[in-house]
């Protein structure tokens, strides 16, 4: 039980060049977490920041996107279905300034394209792919709008 008078702690992350700090981390589970980590790092371009194993399973992995943010994943545990997604049901939007190069690299690698690269009416250029487990990844140039409290 929290008996502290201050019930809300705040933390202000460093401001890397005026961009929002990555403080929301999408999470998901994988049927074959080591293979999916290898795909996301070796083919897509995520950085393998941390991988913690427990009895032959990936208990926790942190993969950072080189341009900011990242994801966390682990091996699927059928006993945790009340709060975890089934493998292959995850989706994410990843911001990149190198969308055309990434599209070429992934299509050259034979990654399943769900949506061809195209310009969007809201200013983004983006495409969608599926990873080997069926998770859906969209990569695009749209970084989101600035928060109302930021100039």
C-alpha atoms as a PDB file:
ATOM      1  CA  UNK A   1       0.000   0.000   0.000  1.00  0.00           C
ATOM      2  CA  UNK A   2       1.271   3.449  -0.864  1.00  0.00           C
ATOM      3  CA  UNK A   3       1.057   5.698   2.179  1.00  0.00           C
ATOM      4  CA  UNK A   4       3.066   8.556   0.717  1.00  0.00           C
ATOM      5  CA  UNK A   5       1.552  12.042   0.751  1.00  0.00           C
ATOM      6  CA  UNK A   6       2.779  12.538  -2.800  1.00  0.00           C
ATOM      7  CA  UNK A   7       0.710  10.055  -4.786  1.00  0.00           C
ATOM      8  CA  UNK A   8       2.085  11.066  -8.177  1.00  0.00           C
ATOM      9  CA  UNK A   9       5.802  11.026  -8.889  1.00  0.00           C
ATOM     10  CA  UNK A  10       6.951  12.907 -11.935  1.00  0.00           C
ATOM     11  CA  UNK A  11      10.025  12.424 -14.051  1.00  0.00           C
ATOM     12  CA  UNK A  12      11.169  14.702 -16.805  1.00  0.00           C
ATOM     13  CA  UNK A  13      13.275  12.862 -19.350  1.00  0.00           C
ATOM     14  CA  UNK A  14      16.052  14.657 -21.199  1.00  0.00           C
ATOM     15  CA  UNK A  15      14.799  16.486 -24.277  1.00  0.00           C
ATOM     16  CA  UNK A  16      16.762  15.064 -27.256  1.00  0.00           C
ATOM     17  CA  UNK A  17      16.606  17.955 -29.704  1.00  0.00           C
ATOM     18  CA  UNK A  18      13.060  19.038 -28.896  1.00  0.00           C
ATOM     19  CA  UNK A  19      11.522  15.618 -29.584  1.00  0.00           C
ATOM     20  CA  UNK A  20       9.311  13.714 -27.212  1.00  0.00           C
ATOM     21  CA  UNK A  21      11.130  11.167 -25.070  1.00  0.00           C
ATOM     22  CA  UNK A  22      10.126   7.515 -25.608  1.00  0.00           C
ATOM     23  CA  UNK A  23       7.989   7.005 -22.546  1.00  0.00           C
ATOM     24  CA  UNK A  24       5.363   4.617 -23.932  1.00  0.00           C
ATOM     25  CA  UNK A  25       6.697   1.144 -24.654  1.00  0.00           C
ATOM     26  CA  UNK A  26       4.552  -1.217 -26.726  1.00  0.00           C
ATOM     27  CA  UNK A  27       4.807  -4.780 -25.449  1.00  0.00           C
ATOM     28  CA  UNK A  28       3.981  -8.139 -26.974  1.00  0.00           C
ATOM     29  CA  UNK A  29       4.749 -11.830 -26.757  1.00  0.00           C
ATOM     30  CA  UNK A  30       6.164 -14.131 -29.410  1.00  0.00           C
ATOM     31  CA  UNK A  31       5.840 -17.854 -30.051  1.00  0.00           C
ATOM     32  CA  UNK A  32       9.552 -17.920 -30.981  1.00  0.00           C
ATOM     33  CA  UNK A  33      10.958 -14.818 -29.289  1.00  0.00           C
ATOM     34  CA  UNK A  34      14.641 -15.477 -30.151  1.00  0.00           C
ATOM     35  CA  UNK A  35      13.821 -15.827 -33.865  1.00  0.00           C
ATOM     36  CA  UNK A  36      11.583 -12.745 -33.849  1.00  0.00           C
ATOM     37  CA  UNK A  37      14.287 -10.726 -32.075  1.00  0.00           C
ATOM     38  CA  UNK A  38      16.799 -11.838 -34.710  1.00  0.00           C
ATOM     39  CA  UNK A  39      14.380 -10.749 -37.472  1.00  0.00           C
ATOM     40  CA  UNK A  40      13.623  -7.361 -35.896  1.00  0.00           C
ATOM     41  CA  UNK A  41      17.323  -6.670 -35.283  1.00  0.00           C
ATOM     42  CA  UNK A  42      18.957  -8.275 -38.317  1.00  0.00           C
ATOM     43  CA  UNK A  43      16.350  -7.524 -40.982  1.00  0.00           C
ATOM     44  CA  UNK A  44      14.347  -4.520 -39.803  1.00  0.00           C
ATOM     45  CA  UNK A  45      17.068  -2.592 -37.977  1.00  0.00           C
ATOM     46  CA  UNK A  46      16.065  -2.449 -34.308  1.00  0.00           C
ATOM     47  CA  UNK A  47      18.910  -2.415 -31.776  1.00  0.00           C
ATOM     48  CA  UNK A  48      19.211  -5.310 -29.316  1.00  0.00           C
ATOM     49  CA  UNK A  49      19.436  -3.329 -26.078  1.00  0.00           C
ATOM     50  CA  UNK A  50      18.591  -6.056 -23.557  1.00  0.00           C
ATOM     51  CA  UNK A  51      17.573  -9.716 -23.694  1.00  0.00           C
ATOM     52  CA  UNK A  52      16.990 -11.557 -20.411  1.00  0.00           C
ATOM     53  CA  UNK A  53      16.389 -15.285 -20.500  1.00  0.00           C
ATOM     54  CA  UNK A  54      14.895 -17.523 -17.842  1.00  0.00           C
ATOM     55  CA  UNK A  55      14.944 -21.307 -18.231  1.00  0.00           C
ATOM     56  CA  UNK A  56      15.273 -21.170 -22.025  1.00  0.00           C
ATOM     57  CA  UNK A  57      12.595 -18.502 -22.510  1.00  0.00           C
ATOM     58  CA  UNK A  58      12.953 -14.808 -23.228  1.00  0.00           C
ATOM     59  CA  UNK A  59      11.629 -13.273 -20.009  1.00  0.00           C
ATOM     60  CA  UNK A  60      12.167  -9.723 -21.260  1.00  0.00           C
ATOM     61  CA  UNK A  61      13.731  -8.067 -24.272  1.00  0.00           C
ATOM     62  CA  UNK A  62      14.136  -4.395 -25.082  1.00  0.00           C
ATOM     63  CA  UNK A  63      14.687  -3.464 -28.720  1.00  0.00           C
ATOM     64  CA  UNK A  64      15.366   0.198 -29.427  1.00  0.00           C
ATOM     65  CA  UNK A  65      14.588   1.929 -32.707  1.00  0.00           C
ATOM     66  CA  UNK A  66      17.694   3.877 -33.807  1.00  0.00           C
ATOM     67  CA  UNK A  67      15.635   7.047 -34.381  1.00  0.00           C
ATOM     68  CA  UNK A  68      13.910   6.892 -30.973  1.00  0.00           C
ATOM     69  CA  UNK A  69      11.543   4.721 -28.975  1.00  0.00           C
ATOM     70  CA  UNK A  70      11.423   0.972 -28.912  1.00  0.00           C
ATOM     71  CA  UNK A  71       9.466  -2.140 -28.019  1.00  0.00           C
ATOM     72  CA  UNK A  72       9.574  -4.761 -25.303  1.00  0.00           C
ATOM     73  CA  UNK A  73       8.762  -8.412 -25.862  1.00  0.00           C
ATOM     74  CA  UNK A  74       9.125 -11.872 -24.426  1.00  0.00           C
ATOM     75  CA  UNK A  75       8.267 -15.492 -24.985  1.00  0.00           C
ATOM     76  CA  UNK A  76       4.560 -16.285 -25.066  1.00  0.00           C
ATOM     77  CA  UNK A  77       3.166 -17.617 -21.788  1.00  0.00           C
ATOM     78  CA  UNK A  78      -0.286 -19.162 -22.271  1.00  0.00           C
ATOM     79  CA  UNK A  79      -0.961 -18.630 -18.547  1.00  0.00           C
ATOM     80  CA  UNK A  80      -0.791 -14.844 -18.940  1.00  0.00           C
ATOM     81  CA  UNK A  81      -3.583 -14.366 -21.473  1.00  0.00           C
ATOM     82  CA  UNK A  82      -5.541 -12.071 -19.161  1.00  0.00           C
ATOM     83  CA  UNK A  83      -3.037  -9.269 -19.744  1.00  0.00           C
ATOM     84  CA  UNK A  84      -0.884 -10.264 -22.721  1.00  0.00           C
ATOM     85  CA  UNK A  85      -1.604 -10.426 -26.430  1.00  0.00           C
ATOM     86  CA  UNK A  86      -1.530 -13.696 -28.313  1.00  0.00           C
ATOM     87  CA  UNK A  87       1.453 -13.971 -30.681  1.00  0.00           C
ATOM     88  CA  UNK A  88       0.784 -12.373 -34.055  1.00  0.00           C
ATOM     89  CA  UNK A  89      -1.827  -9.859 -32.834  1.00  0.00           C
ATOM     90  CA  UNK A  90       0.448  -6.856 -32.242  1.00  0.00           C
ATOM     91  CA  UNK A  91       0.652  -3.749 -34.399  1.00  0.00           C
ATOM     92  CA  UNK A  92       2.864  -0.662 -34.252  1.00  0.00           C
ATOM     93  CA  UNK A  93       3.678   2.511 -36.159  1.00  0.00           C
ATOM     94  CA  UNK A  94       7.410   3.259 -36.303  1.00  0.00           C
ATOM     95  CA  UNK A  95       8.676   6.689 -37.339  1.00  0.00           C
ATOM     96  CA  UNK A  96      11.631   6.827 -39.682  1.00  0.00           C
ATOM     97  CA  UNK A  97      13.210   9.492 -41.839  1.00  0.00           C
ATOM     98  CA  UNK A  98      14.536   6.695 -44.084  1.00  0.00           C
ATOM     99  CA  UNK A  99      11.263   5.142 -45.190  1.00  0.00           C
ATOM    100  CA  UNK A 100      12.219   4.523 -48.823  1.00  0.00           C
ATOM    101  CA  UNK A 101      15.541   2.884 -47.934  1.00  0.00           C
ATOM    102  CA  UNK A 102      13.844   0.724 -45.284  1.00  0.00           C
ATOM    103  CA  UNK A 103      11.106  -0.294 -47.730  1.00  0.00           C
ATOM    104  CA  UNK A 104      13.703  -1.376 -50.293  1.00  0.00           C
ATOM    105  CA  UNK A 105      15.704  -3.294 -47.687  1.00  0.00           C
ATOM    106  CA  UNK A 106      12.651  -5.156 -46.365  1.00  0.00           C
ATOM    107  CA  UNK A 107      11.221  -5.978 -49.777  1.00  0.00           C
ATOM    108  CA  UNK A 108      14.661  -7.144 -50.962  1.00  0.00           C
ATOM    109  CA  UNK A 109      14.727  -9.431 -47.900  1.00  0.00           C
ATOM    110  CA  UNK A 110      11.359 -10.917 -48.911  1.00  0.00           C
ATOM    111  CA  UNK A 111       9.376  -9.507 -45.983  1.00  0.00           C
ATOM    112  CA  UNK A 112       5.611  -9.785 -46.527  1.00  0.00           C
ATOM    113  CA  UNK A 113       4.280  -6.375 -47.602  1.00  0.00           C
ATOM    114  CA  UNK A 114       0.754  -5.615 -46.379  1.00  0.00           C
ATOM    115  CA  UNK A 115       0.568  -2.097 -47.766  1.00  0.00           C
ATOM    116  CA  UNK A 116       2.795  -0.703 -50.504  1.00  0.00           C
ATOM    117  CA  UNK A 117       4.729   2.473 -49.864  1.00  0.00           C
ATOM    118  CA  UNK A 118       2.723   5.608 -50.621  1.00  0.00           C
ATOM    119  CA  UNK A 119       2.258   9.220 -49.689  1.00  0.00           C
ATOM    120  CA  UNK A 120      -0.634   9.917 -47.311  1.00  0.00           C
ATOM    121  CA  UNK A 121      -2.914  12.987 -47.393  1.00  0.00           C
ATOM    122  CA  UNK A 122      -1.707  14.020 -43.921  1.00  0.00           C
ATOM    123  CA  UNK A 123       1.894  14.329 -45.093  1.00  0.00           C
ATOM    124  CA  UNK A 124       3.371  10.946 -44.221  1.00  0.00           C
ATOM    125  CA  UNK A 125       5.064   8.516 -46.572  1.00  0.00           C
ATOM    126  CA  UNK A 126       4.568   4.995 -45.243  1.00  0.00           C
ATOM    127  CA  UNK A 127       4.190   1.262 -45.840  1.00  0.00           C
ATOM    128  CA  UNK A 128       3.099  -1.791 -43.875  1.00  0.00           C
ATOM    129  CA  UNK A 129       4.630  -5.247 -43.412  1.00  0.00           C
ATOM    130  CA  UNK A 130       4.056  -8.388 -41.377  1.00  0.00           C
ATOM    131  CA  UNK A 131       6.791 -10.021 -39.346  1.00  0.00           C
ATOM    132  CA  UNK A 132       7.243 -13.834 -39.365  1.00  0.00           C
ATOM    133  CA  UNK A 133       4.682 -14.220 -36.538  1.00  0.00           C
ATOM    134  CA  UNK A 134       2.041 -12.074 -38.262  1.00  0.00           C
ATOM    135  CA  UNK A 135       2.447  -8.862 -36.261  1.00  0.00           C
ATOM    136  CA  UNK A 136       1.730  -5.757 -38.310  1.00  0.00           C
ATOM    137  CA  UNK A 137       4.323  -2.991 -38.568  1.00  0.00           C
ATOM    138  CA  UNK A 138       3.777   0.332 -40.316  1.00  0.00           C
ATOM    139  CA  UNK A 139       6.838   2.485 -41.018  1.00  0.00           C
ATOM    140  CA  UNK A 140       6.406   6.107 -41.969  1.00  0.00           C
ATOM    141  CA  UNK A 141       7.649   9.656 -41.790  1.00  0.00           C
ATOM    142  CA  UNK A 142       4.790  11.083 -39.697  1.00  0.00           C
ATOM    143  CA  UNK A 143       6.243  11.921 -36.235  1.00  0.00           C
ATOM    144  CA  UNK A 144       2.965  12.939 -34.638  1.00  0.00           C
ATOM    145  CA  UNK A 145       1.813  16.428 -33.792  1.00  0.00           C
ATOM    146  CA  UNK A 146       3.520  18.528 -31.116  1.00  0.00           C
ATOM    147  CA  UNK A 147       1.838  18.462 -27.732  1.00  0.00           C
ATOM    148  CA  UNK A 148      -0.297  21.534 -27.010  1.00  0.00           C
ATOM    149  CA  UNK A 149       2.018  22.507 -24.141  1.00  0.00           C
ATOM    150  CA  UNK A 150       5.100  22.563 -26.406  1.00  0.00           C
ATOM    151  CA  UNK A 151       5.872  25.413 -28.810  1.00  0.00           C
END
